[in-house]
Amino acid sequence: MSALTKASGALKSVDYEVFGRVQVMCMLIVLFDYFSNQYTEEEARKLGVVGWVKNTSQGTVTGQVQGPEDKVNAM
């Protein structure tokens, strides 16, 4: 472990993809996407992590989260 890592704490980066089958009307999906992305952003700010999230054309959600290892694990 480098001196920088020891001084600042271990950092972690995680790539993820969420799969699921949704059988609801399109409007509900749009609302869910809006609120789930808003929730994700809010939680990330609370924990002090950064990253991105997006919907894919395959109907999944993919993203990346980065930050101190304990905070990324909590996310």
PDB file of N, CA and C in Angstrom:
ATOM      1  N   MET A   1       0.853  -1.185   0.000  1.00  0.00           N
ATOM      2  CA  MET A   1       0.000   0.000   0.000  1.00  0.00           C
ATOM      3  C   MET A   1       0.889   1.235   0.000  1.00  0.00           C
ATOM      4  N   SER A   2       0.580   2.204  -0.845  1.00  0.00           N
ATOM      5  CA  SER A   2       1.404   3.407  -0.937  1.00  0.00           C
ATOM      6  C   SER A   2       1.184   4.311   0.275  1.00  0.00           C
ATOM      7  N   ALA A   3       2.130   5.221   0.488  1.00  0.00           N
ATOM      8  CA  ALA A   3       2.009   6.172   1.593  1.00  0.00           C
ATOM      9  C   ALA A   3       0.787   7.067   1.400  1.00  0.00           C
ATOM     10  N   LEU A   4       0.485   7.431   0.157  1.00  0.00           N
ATOM     11  CA  LEU A   4      -0.671   8.280  -0.131  1.00  0.00           C
ATOM     12  C   LEU A   4      -1.965   7.558   0.245  1.00  0.00           C
ATOM     13  N   THR A   5      -2.072   6.284  -0.117  1.00  0.00           N
ATOM     14  CA  THR A   5      -3.266   5.507   0.214  1.00  0.00           C
ATOM     15  C   THR A   5      -3.425   5.391   1.719  1.00  0.00           C
ATOM     16  N   LYS A   6      -2.328   5.151   2.435  1.00  0.00           N
ATOM     17  CA  LYS A   6      -2.393   5.050   3.896  1.00  0.00           C
ATOM     18  C   LYS A   6      -2.840   6.363   4.516  1.00  0.00           C
ATOM     19  N   ALA A   7      -2.334   7.468   3.995  1.00  0.00           N
ATOM     20  CA  ALA A   7      -2.652   8.779   4.561  1.00  0.00           C
ATOM     21  C   ALA A   7      -4.094   9.179   4.302  1.00  0.00           C
ATOM     22  N   SER A   8      -4.607   8.867   3.131  1.00  0.00           N
ATOM     23  CA  SER A   8      -5.942   9.343   2.771  1.00  0.00           C
ATOM     24  C   SER A   8      -7.025   8.283   2.940  1.00  0.00           C
ATOM     25  N   GLY A   9      -6.669   7.056   3.259  1.00  0.00           N
ATOM     26  CA  GLY A   9      -7.654   5.980   3.352  1.00  0.00           C
ATOM     27  C   GLY A   9      -7.792   5.283   2.017  1.00  0.00           C
ATOM     28  N   ALA A  10      -8.222   4.039   2.061  1.00  0.00           N
ATOM     29  CA  ALA A  10      -8.353   3.255   0.836  1.00  0.00           C
ATOM     30  C   ALA A  10      -9.495   3.779  -0.020  1.00  0.00           C
ATOM     31  N   LEU A  11      -9.238   3.910  -1.310  1.00  0.00           N
ATOM     32  CA  LEU A  11     -10.267   4.336  -2.248  1.00  0.00           C
ATOM     33  C   LEU A  11     -10.739   3.141  -3.055  1.00  0.00           C
ATOM     34  N   LYS A  12     -11.985   3.204  -3.501  1.00  0.00           N
ATOM     35  CA  LYS A  12     -12.577   2.091  -4.220  1.00  0.00           C
ATOM     36  C   LYS A  12     -13.421   2.620  -5.374  1.00  0.00           C
ATOM     37  N   SER A  13     -13.438   1.872  -6.471  1.00  0.00           N
ATOM     38  CA  SER A  13     -14.271   2.186  -7.620  1.00  0.00           C
ATOM     39  C   SER A  13     -15.037   0.924  -8.002  1.00  0.00           C
ATOM     40  N   VAL A  14     -16.356   1.049  -8.148  1.00  0.00           N
ATOM     41  CA  VAL A  14     -17.193  -0.103  -8.471  1.00  0.00           C
ATOM     42  C   VAL A  14     -18.046   0.210  -9.695  1.00  0.00           C
ATOM     43  N   ASP A  15     -17.976  -0.673 -10.699  1.00  0.00           N
ATOM     44  CA  ASP A  15     -18.879  -0.620 -11.853  1.00  0.00           C
ATOM     45  C   ASP A  15     -20.020  -1.587 -11.569  1.00  0.00           C
ATOM     46  N   TYR A  16     -21.250  -1.202 -11.904  1.00  0.00           N
ATOM     47  CA  TYR A  16     -22.380  -2.079 -11.634  1.00  0.00           C
ATOM     48  C   TYR A  16     -23.427  -1.999 -12.730  1.00  0.00           C
ATOM     49  N   GLU A  17     -24.264  -3.038 -12.796  1.00  0.00           N
ATOM     50  CA  GLU A  17     -25.410  -3.056 -13.695  1.00  0.00           C
ATOM     51  C   GLU A  17     -26.551  -3.749 -12.971  1.00  0.00           C
ATOM     52  N   VAL A  18     -27.715  -3.120 -12.986  1.00  0.00           N
ATOM     53  CA  VAL A  18     -28.886  -3.646 -12.296  1.00  0.00           C
ATOM     54  C   VAL A  18     -29.839  -4.220 -13.341  1.00  0.00           C
ATOM     55  N   PHE A  19     -30.206  -5.489 -13.144  1.00  0.00           N
ATOM     56  CA  PHE A  19     -31.109  -6.182 -14.056  1.00  0.00           C
ATOM     57  C   PHE A  19     -32.448  -6.399 -13.361  1.00  0.00           C
ATOM     58  N   GLY A  20     -33.505  -6.440 -14.128  1.00  0.00           N
ATOM     59  CA  GLY A  20     -34.818  -6.726 -13.562  1.00  0.00           C
ATOM     60  C   GLY A  20     -35.868  -6.700 -14.644  1.00  0.00           C
ATOM     61  N   ARG A  21     -36.984  -7.276 -14.340  1.00  0.00           N
ATOM     62  CA  ARG A  21     -38.083  -7.297 -15.299  1.00  0.00           C
ATOM     63  C   ARG A  21     -39.209  -6.430 -14.752  1.00  0.00           C
ATOM     64  N   VAL A  22     -39.574  -5.421 -15.518  1.00  0.00           N
ATOM     65  CA  VAL A  22     -40.602  -4.489 -15.080  1.00  0.00           C
ATOM     66  C   VAL A  22     -41.803  -4.634 -16.006  1.00  0.00           C
ATOM     67  N   GLN A  23     -42.956  -4.863 -15.432  1.00  0.00           N
ATOM     68  CA  GLN A  23     -44.172  -5.000 -16.229  1.00  0.00           C
ATOM     69  C   GLN A  23     -45.204  -3.981 -15.755  1.00  0.00           C
ATOM     70  N   VAL A  24     -44.948  -2.715 -16.073  1.00  0.00           N
ATOM     71  CA  VAL A  24     -45.871  -1.629 -15.712  1.00  0.00           C
ATOM     72  C   VAL A  24     -45.997  -0.692 -16.899  1.00  0.00           C
ATOM     73  N   MET A  25     -46.901   0.246 -16.799  1.00  0.00           N
ATOM     74  CA  MET A  25     -47.101   1.210 -17.876  1.00  0.00           C
ATOM     75  C   MET A  25     -45.881   2.113 -18.026  1.00  0.00           C
ATOM     76  N   CYS A  26     -45.689   2.629 -19.235  1.00  0.00           N
ATOM     77  CA  CYS A  26     -44.523   3.468 -19.545  1.00  0.00           C
ATOM     78  C   CYS A  26     -44.405   4.667 -18.613  1.00  0.00           C
ATOM     79  N   MET A  27     -45.507   5.308 -18.282  1.00  0.00           N
ATOM     80  CA  MET A  27     -45.459   6.484 -17.417  1.00  0.00           C
ATOM     81  C   MET A  27     -44.878   6.131 -16.049  1.00  0.00           C
ATOM     82  N   LEU A  28     -45.232   4.991 -15.513  1.00  0.00           N
ATOM     83  CA  LEU A  28     -44.687   4.575 -14.222  1.00  0.00           C
ATOM     84  C   LEU A  28     -43.190   4.332 -14.313  1.00  0.00           C
ATOM     85  N   ILE A  29     -42.747   3.788 -15.437  1.00  0.00           N
ATOM     86  CA  ILE A  29     -41.313   3.561 -15.624  1.00  0.00           C
ATOM     87  C   ILE A  29     -40.567   4.884 -15.660  1.00  0.00           C
ATOM     88  N   VAL A  30     -41.093   5.857 -16.368  1.00  0.00           N
ATOM     89  CA  VAL A  30     -40.459   7.176 -16.432  1.00  0.00           C
ATOM     90  C   VAL A  30     -40.379   7.794 -15.042  1.00  0.00           C
ATOM     91  N   LEU A  31     -41.456   7.730 -14.291  1.00  0.00           N
ATOM     92  CA  LEU A  31     -41.450   8.272 -12.925  1.00  0.00           C
ATOM     93  C   LEU A  31     -40.460   7.529 -12.041  1.00  0.00           C
ATOM     94  N   PHE A  32     -40.413   6.200 -12.161  1.00  0.00           N
ATOM     95  CA  PHE A  32     -39.479   5.404 -11.365  1.00  0.00           C
ATOM     96  C   PHE A  32     -38.045   5.800 -11.687  1.00  0.00           C
ATOM     97  N   ASP A  33     -37.719   5.925 -12.984  1.00  0.00           N
ATOM     98  CA  ASP A  33     -36.369   6.317 -13.387  1.00  0.00           C
ATOM     99  C   ASP A  33     -35.992   7.660 -12.779  1.00  0.00           C
ATOM    100  N   TYR A  34     -36.921   8.620 -12.853  1.00  0.00           N
ATOM    101  CA  TYR A  34     -36.647   9.949 -12.314  1.00  0.00           C
ATOM    102  C   TYR A  34     -36.369   9.884 -10.815  1.00  0.00           C
ATOM    103  N   PHE A  35     -37.240   9.227 -10.067  1.00  0.00           N
ATOM    104  CA  PHE A  35     -37.094   9.200  -8.614  1.00  0.00           C
ATOM    105  C   PHE A  35     -35.952   8.304  -8.162  1.00  0.00           C
ATOM    106  N   SER A  36     -35.692   7.195  -8.862  1.00  0.00           N
ATOM    107  CA  SER A  36     -34.584   6.335  -8.460  1.00  0.00           C
ATOM    108  C   SER A  36     -33.249   7.023  -8.723  1.00  0.00           C
ATOM    109  N   ASN A  37     -33.124   7.748  -9.847  1.00  0.00           N
ATOM    110  CA  ASN A  37     -31.891   8.487 -10.115  1.00  0.00           C
ATOM    111  C   ASN A  37     -31.714   9.623  -9.116  1.00  0.00           C
ATOM    112  N   GLN A  38     -32.811  10.284  -8.761  1.00  0.00           N
ATOM    113  CA  GLN A  38     -32.749  11.363  -7.781  1.00  0.00           C
ATOM    114  C   GLN A  38     -32.333  10.799  -6.412  1.00  0.00           C
ATOM    115  N   TYR A  39     -32.900   9.648  -6.035  1.00  0.00           N
ATOM    116  CA  TYR A  39     -32.546   9.001  -4.773  1.00  0.00           C
ATOM    117  C   TYR A  39     -31.067   8.627  -4.760  1.00  0.00           C
ATOM    118  N   THR A  40     -30.580   8.058  -5.875  1.00  0.00           N
ATOM    119  CA  THR A  40     -29.179   7.649  -5.970  1.00  0.00           C
ATOM    120  C   THR A  40     -28.257   8.846  -5.795  1.00  0.00           C
ATOM    121  N   GLU A  41     -28.586   9.952  -6.455  1.00  0.00           N
ATOM    122  CA  GLU A  41     -27.770  11.159  -6.347  1.00  0.00           C
ATOM    123  C   GLU A  41     -27.771  11.696  -4.916  1.00  0.00           C
ATOM    124  N   GLU A  42     -28.930  11.691  -4.284  1.00  0.00           N
ATOM    125  CA  GLU A  42     -29.049  12.183  -2.914  1.00  0.00           C
ATOM    126  C   GLU A  42     -28.220  11.329  -1.937  1.00  0.00           C
ATOM    127  N   GLU A  43     -28.323  10.013  -2.075  1.00  0.00           N
ATOM    128  CA  GLU A  43     -27.556   9.112  -1.210  1.00  0.00           C
ATOM    129  C   GLU A  43     -26.060   9.281  -1.417  1.00  0.00           C
ATOM    130  N   ALA A  44     -25.639   9.434  -2.675  1.00  0.00           N
ATOM    131  CA  ALA A  44     -24.219   9.621  -2.970  1.00  0.00           C
ATOM    132  C   ALA A  44     -23.697  10.887  -2.316  1.00  0.00           C
ATOM    133  N   ARG A  45     -24.470  11.952  -2.391  1.00  0.00           N
ATOM    134  CA  ARG A  45     -24.050  13.213  -1.749  1.00  0.00           C
ATOM    135  C   ARG A  45     -23.928  13.052  -0.243  1.00  0.00           C
ATOM    136  N   LYS A  46     -24.912  12.380   0.361  1.00  0.00           N
ATOM    137  CA  LYS A  46     -24.874  12.157   1.813  1.00  0.00           C
ATOM    138  C   LYS A  46     -23.627  11.392   2.221  1.00  0.00           C
ATOM    139  N   LEU A  47     -23.249  10.393   1.419  1.00  0.00           N
ATOM    140  CA  LEU A  47     -22.109   9.541   1.753  1.00  0.00           C
ATOM    141  C   LEU A  47     -20.769  10.133   1.328  1.00  0.00           C
ATOM    142  N   GLY A  48     -20.786  11.099   0.419  1.00  0.00           N
ATOM    143  CA  GLY A  48     -19.536  11.691  -0.048  1.00  0.00           C
ATOM    144  C   GLY A  48     -18.841  10.872  -1.119  1.00  0.00           C
ATOM    145  N   VAL A  49     -19.623  10.203  -1.972  1.00  0.00           N
ATOM    146  CA  VAL A  49     -19.048   9.465  -3.090  1.00  0.00           C
ATOM    147  C   VAL A  49     -19.466  10.139  -4.400  1.00  0.00           C
ATOM    148  N   VAL A  50     -18.774   9.799  -5.476  1.00  0.00           N
ATOM    149  CA  VAL A  50     -19.085  10.351  -6.796  1.00  0.00           C
ATOM    150  C   VAL A  50     -19.273   9.214  -7.782  1.00  0.00           C
ATOM    151  N   GLY A  51     -19.840   9.542  -8.935  1.00  0.00           N
ATOM    152  CA  GLY A  51     -20.006   8.538  -9.972  1.00  0.00           C
ATOM    153  C   GLY A  51     -21.069   8.943 -10.947  1.00  0.00           C
ATOM    154  N   TRP A  52     -21.610   7.956 -11.645  1.00  0.00           N
ATOM    155  CA  TRP A  52     -22.641   8.219 -12.640  1.00  0.00           C
ATOM    156  C   TRP A  52     -23.567   7.020 -12.713  1.00  0.00           C
ATOM    157  N   VAL A  53     -24.755   7.257 -13.279  1.00  0.00           N
ATOM    158  CA  VAL A  53     -25.754   6.203 -13.469  1.00  0.00           C
ATOM    159  C   VAL A  53     -26.537   6.527 -14.731  1.00  0.00           C
ATOM    160  N   LYS A  54     -26.885   5.482 -15.515  1.00  0.00           N
ATOM    161  CA  LYS A  54     -27.682   5.721 -16.721  1.00  0.00           C
ATOM    162  C   LYS A  54     -28.522   4.491 -17.043  1.00  0.00           C
ATOM    163  N   ASN A  55     -29.611   4.730 -17.730  1.00  0.00           N
ATOM    164  CA  ASN A  55     -30.461   3.655 -18.225  1.00  0.00           C
ATOM    165  C   ASN A  55     -29.888   3.180 -19.555  1.00  0.00           C
ATOM    166  N   THR A  56     -29.952   1.868 -19.811  1.00  0.00           N
ATOM    167  CA  THR A  56     -29.452   1.325 -21.069  1.00  0.00           C
ATOM    168  C   THR A  56     -30.613   0.973 -21.996  1.00  0.00           C
ATOM    169  N   SER A  57     -30.301   0.768 -23.250  1.00  0.00           N
ATOM    170  CA  SER A  57     -31.331   0.383 -24.222  1.00  0.00           C
ATOM    171  C   SER A  57     -31.816  -1.051 -23.990  1.00  0.00           C
ATOM    172  N   GLN A  58     -31.088  -1.823 -23.191  1.00  0.00           N
ATOM    173  CA  GLN A  58     -31.498  -3.182 -22.851  1.00  0.00           C
ATOM    174  C   GLN A  58     -32.444  -3.235 -21.652  1.00  0.00           C
ATOM    175  N   GLY A  59     -32.773  -2.074 -21.091  1.00  0.00           N
ATOM    176  CA  GLY A  59     -33.686  -2.018 -19.956  1.00  0.00           C
ATOM    177  C   GLY A  59     -33.023  -2.198 -18.609  1.00  0.00           C
ATOM    178  N   THR A  60     -31.693  -2.099 -18.569  1.00  0.00           N
ATOM    179  CA  THR A  60     -30.984  -2.196 -17.299  1.00  0.00           C
ATOM    180  C   THR A  60     -30.514  -0.804 -16.883  1.00  0.00           C
ATOM    181  N   VAL A  61     -29.947  -0.716 -15.702  1.00  0.00           N
ATOM    182  CA  VAL A  61     -29.334   0.521 -15.216  1.00  0.00           C
ATOM    183  C   VAL A  61     -27.873   0.195 -14.944  1.00  0.00           C
ATOM    184  N   THR A  62     -26.975   1.006 -15.469  1.00  0.00           N
ATOM    185  CA  THR A  62     -25.552   0.784 -15.270  1.00  0.00           C
ATOM    186  C   THR A  62     -24.944   2.036 -14.651  1.00  0.00           C
ATOM    187  N   GLY A  63     -23.821   1.862 -13.959  1.00  0.00           N
ATOM    188  CA  GLY A  63     -23.193   3.013 -13.344  1.00  0.00           C
ATOM    189  C   GLY A  63     -21.858   2.692 -12.724  1.00  0.00           C
ATOM    190  N   GLN A  64     -21.305   3.701 -12.089  1.00  0.00           N
ATOM    191  CA  GLN A  64     -20.035   3.577 -11.399  1.00  0.00           C
ATOM    192  C   GLN A  64     -20.088   4.465 -10.157  1.00  0.00           C
ATOM    193  N   VAL A  65     -19.514   3.991  -9.082  1.00  0.00           N
ATOM    194  CA  VAL A  65     -19.424   4.782  -7.859  1.00  0.00           C
ATOM    195  C   VAL A  65     -17.979   4.719  -7.361  1.00  0.00           C
ATOM    196  N   GLN A  66     -17.461   5.864  -6.891  1.00  0.00           N
ATOM    197  CA  GLN A  66     -16.073   5.966  -6.438  1.00  0.00           C
ATOM    198  C   GLN A  66     -16.006   6.770  -5.152  1.00  0.00           C
ATOM    199  N   GLY A  67     -15.066   6.381  -4.305  1.00  0.00           N
ATOM    200  CA  GLY A  67     -14.850   7.122  -3.074  1.00  0.00           C
ATOM    201  C   GLY A  67     -14.144   6.272  -2.044  1.00  0.00           C
ATOM    202  N   PRO A  68     -14.145   6.723  -0.790  1.00  0.00           N
ATOM    203  CA  PRO A  68     -13.556   5.922   0.279  1.00  0.00           C
ATOM    204  C   PRO A  68     -14.238   4.564   0.355  1.00  0.00           C
ATOM    205  N   GLU A  69     -13.450   3.522   0.583  1.00  0.00           N
ATOM    206  CA  GLU A  69     -13.976   2.159   0.535  1.00  0.00           C
ATOM    207  C   GLU A  69     -15.205   1.936   1.401  1.00  0.00           C
ATOM    208  N   ASP A  70     -15.211   2.438   2.625  1.00  0.00           N
ATOM    209  CA  ASP A  70     -16.354   2.214   3.508  1.00  0.00           C
ATOM    210  C   ASP A  70     -17.616   2.914   2.994  1.00  0.00           C
ATOM    211  N   LYS A  71     -17.450   4.084   2.374  1.00  0.00           N
ATOM    212  CA  LYS A  71     -18.602   4.825   1.841  1.00  0.00           C
ATOM    213  C   LYS A  71     -19.154   4.151   0.588  1.00  0.00           C
ATOM    214  N   VAL A  72     -18.272   3.650  -0.290  1.00  0.00           N
ATOM    215  CA  VAL A  72     -18.718   2.932  -1.484  1.00  0.00           C
ATOM    216  C   VAL A  72     -19.456   1.664  -1.074  1.00  0.00           C
ATOM    217  N   ASN A  73     -18.942   0.966  -0.086  1.00  0.00           N
ATOM    218  CA  ASN A  73     -19.610  -0.247   0.401  1.00  0.00           C
ATOM    219  C   ASN A  73     -20.993   0.067   0.949  1.00  0.00           C
ATOM    220  N   ALA A  74     -21.139   1.218   1.600  1.00  0.00           N
ATOM    221  CA  ALA A  74     -22.447   1.616   2.147  1.00  0.00           C
ATOM    222  C   ALA A  74     -23.431   1.945   1.033  1.00  0.00           C
ATOM    223  N   MET A  75     -22.913   2.495  -0.068  1.00  0.00           N
ATOM    224  CA  MET A  75     -23.786   2.856  -1.189  1.00  0.00           C
ATOM    225  C   MET A  75     -24.362   1.615  -1.821  1.00  0.00           C
TER     226      MET A  75
END
